[in-house]
N, C-alpha and C. Protein backbone atom coordinates (compact mmCIF):
# COMPACT_ATOMS: atom_id res chain seq x y z
N MET A 1 52.37 78.09 82.48
CA MET A 1 52.23 79.32 81.72
C MET A 1 51.71 80.40 82.66
N LEU A 2 52.28 81.58 82.58
CA LEU A 2 51.82 82.70 83.38
C LEU A 2 50.69 83.43 82.67
N ILE A 3 49.63 83.76 83.42
CA ILE A 3 48.51 84.51 82.86
C ILE A 3 48.20 85.68 83.78
N PRO A 4 47.65 86.77 83.22
CA PRO A 4 47.28 87.92 84.05
C PRO A 4 46.00 87.59 84.82
N VAL A 5 46.00 87.89 86.12
CA VAL A 5 44.82 87.63 86.96
C VAL A 5 44.50 88.87 87.80
N LYS A 6 43.26 88.97 88.19
CA LYS A 6 42.78 90.06 89.06
C LYS A 6 42.21 89.38 90.30
N LEU A 7 42.85 89.57 91.44
CA LEU A 7 42.49 88.87 92.66
C LEU A 7 41.42 89.58 93.48
N GLY A 8 41.04 90.79 93.07
CA GLY A 8 40.00 91.53 93.77
C GLY A 8 39.78 92.86 93.08
N ASP A 9 38.63 93.48 93.37
CA ASP A 9 38.29 94.74 92.70
C ASP A 9 39.33 95.83 92.90
N ALA A 10 39.90 95.92 94.08
CA ALA A 10 40.85 96.99 94.37
C ALA A 10 42.30 96.54 94.19
N GLU A 11 42.49 95.33 93.70
CA GLU A 11 43.84 94.79 93.56
C GLU A 11 44.37 95.01 92.15
N PRO A 12 45.69 95.17 92.01
CA PRO A 12 46.27 95.30 90.67
C PRO A 12 46.26 93.95 89.94
N ILE A 13 46.38 93.98 88.64
CA ILE A 13 46.52 92.76 87.85
C ILE A 13 47.94 92.24 88.04
N VAL A 14 48.05 90.94 88.35
CA VAL A 14 49.35 90.30 88.56
C VAL A 14 49.42 89.06 87.68
N MET A 15 50.62 88.52 87.53
CA MET A 15 50.81 87.30 86.76
C MET A 15 50.82 86.11 87.72
N MET A 16 50.13 85.00 87.31
CA MET A 16 50.06 83.81 88.14
C MET A 16 50.21 82.58 87.25
N ASP A 17 50.85 81.56 87.76
CA ASP A 17 51.01 80.31 87.03
C ASP A 17 49.65 79.62 86.93
N ASP A 18 49.26 79.25 85.70
CA ASP A 18 47.94 78.65 85.52
C ASP A 18 47.80 77.28 86.17
N SER A 19 48.90 76.65 86.54
CA SER A 19 48.82 75.35 87.22
C SER A 19 48.22 75.48 88.62
N LEU A 20 48.17 76.70 89.15
CA LEU A 20 47.59 76.95 90.47
C LEU A 20 46.08 77.20 90.40
N LEU A 21 45.53 77.25 89.19
CA LEU A 21 44.14 77.65 88.98
C LEU A 21 43.35 76.53 88.33
N VAL A 22 42.01 76.63 88.45
CA VAL A 22 41.10 75.70 87.76
C VAL A 22 40.66 76.37 86.47
N LYS A 23 40.82 75.66 85.35
CA LYS A 23 40.46 76.20 84.03
C LYS A 23 39.10 75.65 83.61
N LYS A 24 38.22 76.55 83.15
CA LYS A 24 36.90 76.16 82.65
C LYS A 24 36.70 76.80 81.27
N ASP A 25 36.28 75.98 80.30
CA ASP A 25 36.03 76.46 78.94
C ASP A 25 34.54 76.39 78.64
N GLY A 26 34.08 77.28 77.76
CA GLY A 26 32.69 77.27 77.35
C GLY A 26 32.55 77.68 75.90
N VAL A 27 31.36 77.37 75.34
CA VAL A 27 31.10 77.69 73.95
C VAL A 27 29.61 77.95 73.76
N VAL A 28 29.30 78.91 72.88
CA VAL A 28 27.95 79.16 72.39
C VAL A 28 28.06 79.14 70.87
N ASP A 29 27.20 78.34 70.25
CA ASP A 29 27.21 78.27 68.79
C ASP A 29 25.75 78.24 68.33
N ASN A 30 25.32 79.32 67.69
CA ASN A 30 23.96 79.38 67.18
C ASN A 30 23.98 80.04 65.80
N GLU A 31 22.82 80.37 65.26
CA GLU A 31 22.77 80.91 63.91
C GLU A 31 23.39 82.30 63.79
N ASP A 32 23.53 83.01 64.91
CA ASP A 32 24.06 84.37 64.88
C ASP A 32 25.54 84.47 65.23
N GLU A 33 26.04 83.57 66.07
CA GLU A 33 27.40 83.72 66.58
C GLU A 33 28.03 82.38 66.92
N HIS A 34 29.36 82.40 66.97
CA HIS A 34 30.14 81.30 67.54
C HIS A 34 31.07 81.96 68.56
N THR A 35 30.88 81.64 69.83
CA THR A 35 31.63 82.26 70.90
C THR A 35 32.29 81.19 71.76
N THR A 36 33.58 81.39 72.05
CA THR A 36 34.29 80.51 72.97
C THR A 36 34.90 81.36 74.08
N TRP A 37 35.04 80.78 75.26
CA TRP A 37 35.67 81.51 76.35
C TRP A 37 36.42 80.54 77.25
N THR A 38 37.41 81.11 77.93
CA THR A 38 38.19 80.38 78.92
C THR A 38 38.19 81.22 80.19
N GLU A 39 37.90 80.56 81.31
CA GLU A 39 37.95 81.22 82.61
C GLU A 39 38.94 80.47 83.50
N TYR A 40 39.59 81.21 84.37
CA TYR A 40 40.46 80.62 85.38
C TYR A 40 39.92 81.01 86.75
N TRP A 41 39.86 80.03 87.63
CA TRP A 41 39.28 80.21 88.96
C TRP A 41 40.31 79.88 90.04
N LEU A 42 40.28 80.67 91.10
CA LEU A 42 41.06 80.41 92.31
C LEU A 42 40.04 80.23 93.42
N GLY A 43 39.72 78.99 93.73
CA GLY A 43 38.62 78.72 94.67
C GLY A 43 37.31 79.17 94.05
N ASP A 44 36.57 80.02 94.76
CA ASP A 44 35.29 80.54 94.28
C ASP A 44 35.43 81.85 93.51
N LEU A 45 36.64 82.31 93.30
CA LEU A 45 36.89 83.61 92.67
C LEU A 45 37.35 83.42 91.22
N ARG A 46 36.58 83.98 90.26
CA ARG A 46 37.04 83.98 88.87
C ARG A 46 38.08 85.09 88.74
N VAL A 47 39.29 84.71 88.35
CA VAL A 47 40.40 85.67 88.33
C VAL A 47 40.81 86.07 86.91
N HIS A 48 40.29 85.35 85.90
CA HIS A 48 40.64 85.67 84.51
C HIS A 48 39.56 85.13 83.59
N ARG A 49 39.23 85.90 82.56
CA ARG A 49 38.32 85.43 81.51
C ARG A 49 38.78 86.00 80.18
N SER A 50 38.85 85.15 79.18
CA SER A 50 39.12 85.61 77.82
C SER A 50 38.06 85.01 76.91
N ALA A 51 37.65 85.78 75.91
CA ALA A 51 36.58 85.34 75.02
C ALA A 51 36.90 85.70 73.58
N HIS A 52 36.34 84.91 72.67
CA HIS A 52 36.46 85.18 71.24
C HIS A 52 35.08 85.01 70.62
N VAL A 53 34.60 86.06 69.96
CA VAL A 53 33.27 86.05 69.35
C VAL A 53 33.42 86.19 67.84
N THR A 54 32.78 85.29 67.10
CA THR A 54 32.72 85.37 65.64
C THR A 54 31.25 85.50 65.26
N LEU A 55 30.91 86.61 64.61
CA LEU A 55 29.54 86.79 64.14
C LEU A 55 29.37 86.06 62.81
N LYS A 56 28.26 85.36 62.70
CA LYS A 56 27.98 84.61 61.48
C LYS A 56 27.21 85.45 60.46
N LYS A 57 26.54 86.48 60.94
CA LYS A 57 25.85 87.39 60.04
C LYS A 57 25.81 88.77 60.68
N MET A 58 25.66 89.79 59.86
CA MET A 58 25.65 91.15 60.35
C MET A 58 24.38 91.40 61.17
N PRO A 59 24.52 91.95 62.40
CA PRO A 59 23.32 92.28 63.18
C PRO A 59 22.45 93.28 62.42
N ALA A 60 21.14 93.16 62.56
CA ALA A 60 20.18 94.01 61.83
C ALA A 60 20.42 95.49 62.09
N MET A 61 20.83 95.85 63.31
CA MET A 61 21.01 97.27 63.62
C MET A 61 22.10 97.91 62.76
N PHE A 62 23.13 97.14 62.36
CA PHE A 62 24.19 97.70 61.53
C PHE A 62 23.71 97.93 60.10
N GLY A 63 22.89 97.05 59.61
CA GLY A 63 22.32 97.23 58.28
C GLY A 63 21.42 98.45 58.23
N GLU A 64 20.64 98.66 59.26
CA GLU A 64 19.76 99.83 59.34
C GLU A 64 20.58 101.11 59.44
N ALA A 65 21.65 101.10 60.22
CA ALA A 65 22.49 102.29 60.36
C ALA A 65 23.15 102.63 59.02
N ALA A 66 23.59 101.63 58.27
CA ALA A 66 24.20 101.88 56.96
C ALA A 66 23.18 102.47 56.00
N ARG A 67 21.95 101.98 56.06
CA ARG A 67 20.91 102.48 55.17
C ARG A 67 20.60 103.94 55.47
N ILE A 68 20.53 104.31 56.75
CA ILE A 68 20.23 105.68 57.15
C ILE A 68 21.39 106.61 56.82
N GLY A 69 22.62 106.17 57.12
CA GLY A 69 23.78 107.02 56.92
C GLY A 69 24.29 107.07 55.50
N GLY A 70 23.88 106.16 54.67
CA GLY A 70 24.48 106.10 53.35
C GLY A 70 23.49 106.39 52.29
């Protein structure tokens, strides 16, 4: 599968076959959020990261903003 990668700060984003990369997955699951991410590495260089965050409850700052604005 081809994925978009960034090989350096000044380099353009290019497509690379994921079979050439090391894939690492991670997860955080606590009372506030459930977050998963996938990273692809080329040697010591992280070339791609994608993440998905699901909030389990509304952060307090949003409730306060709604109270002030509404």
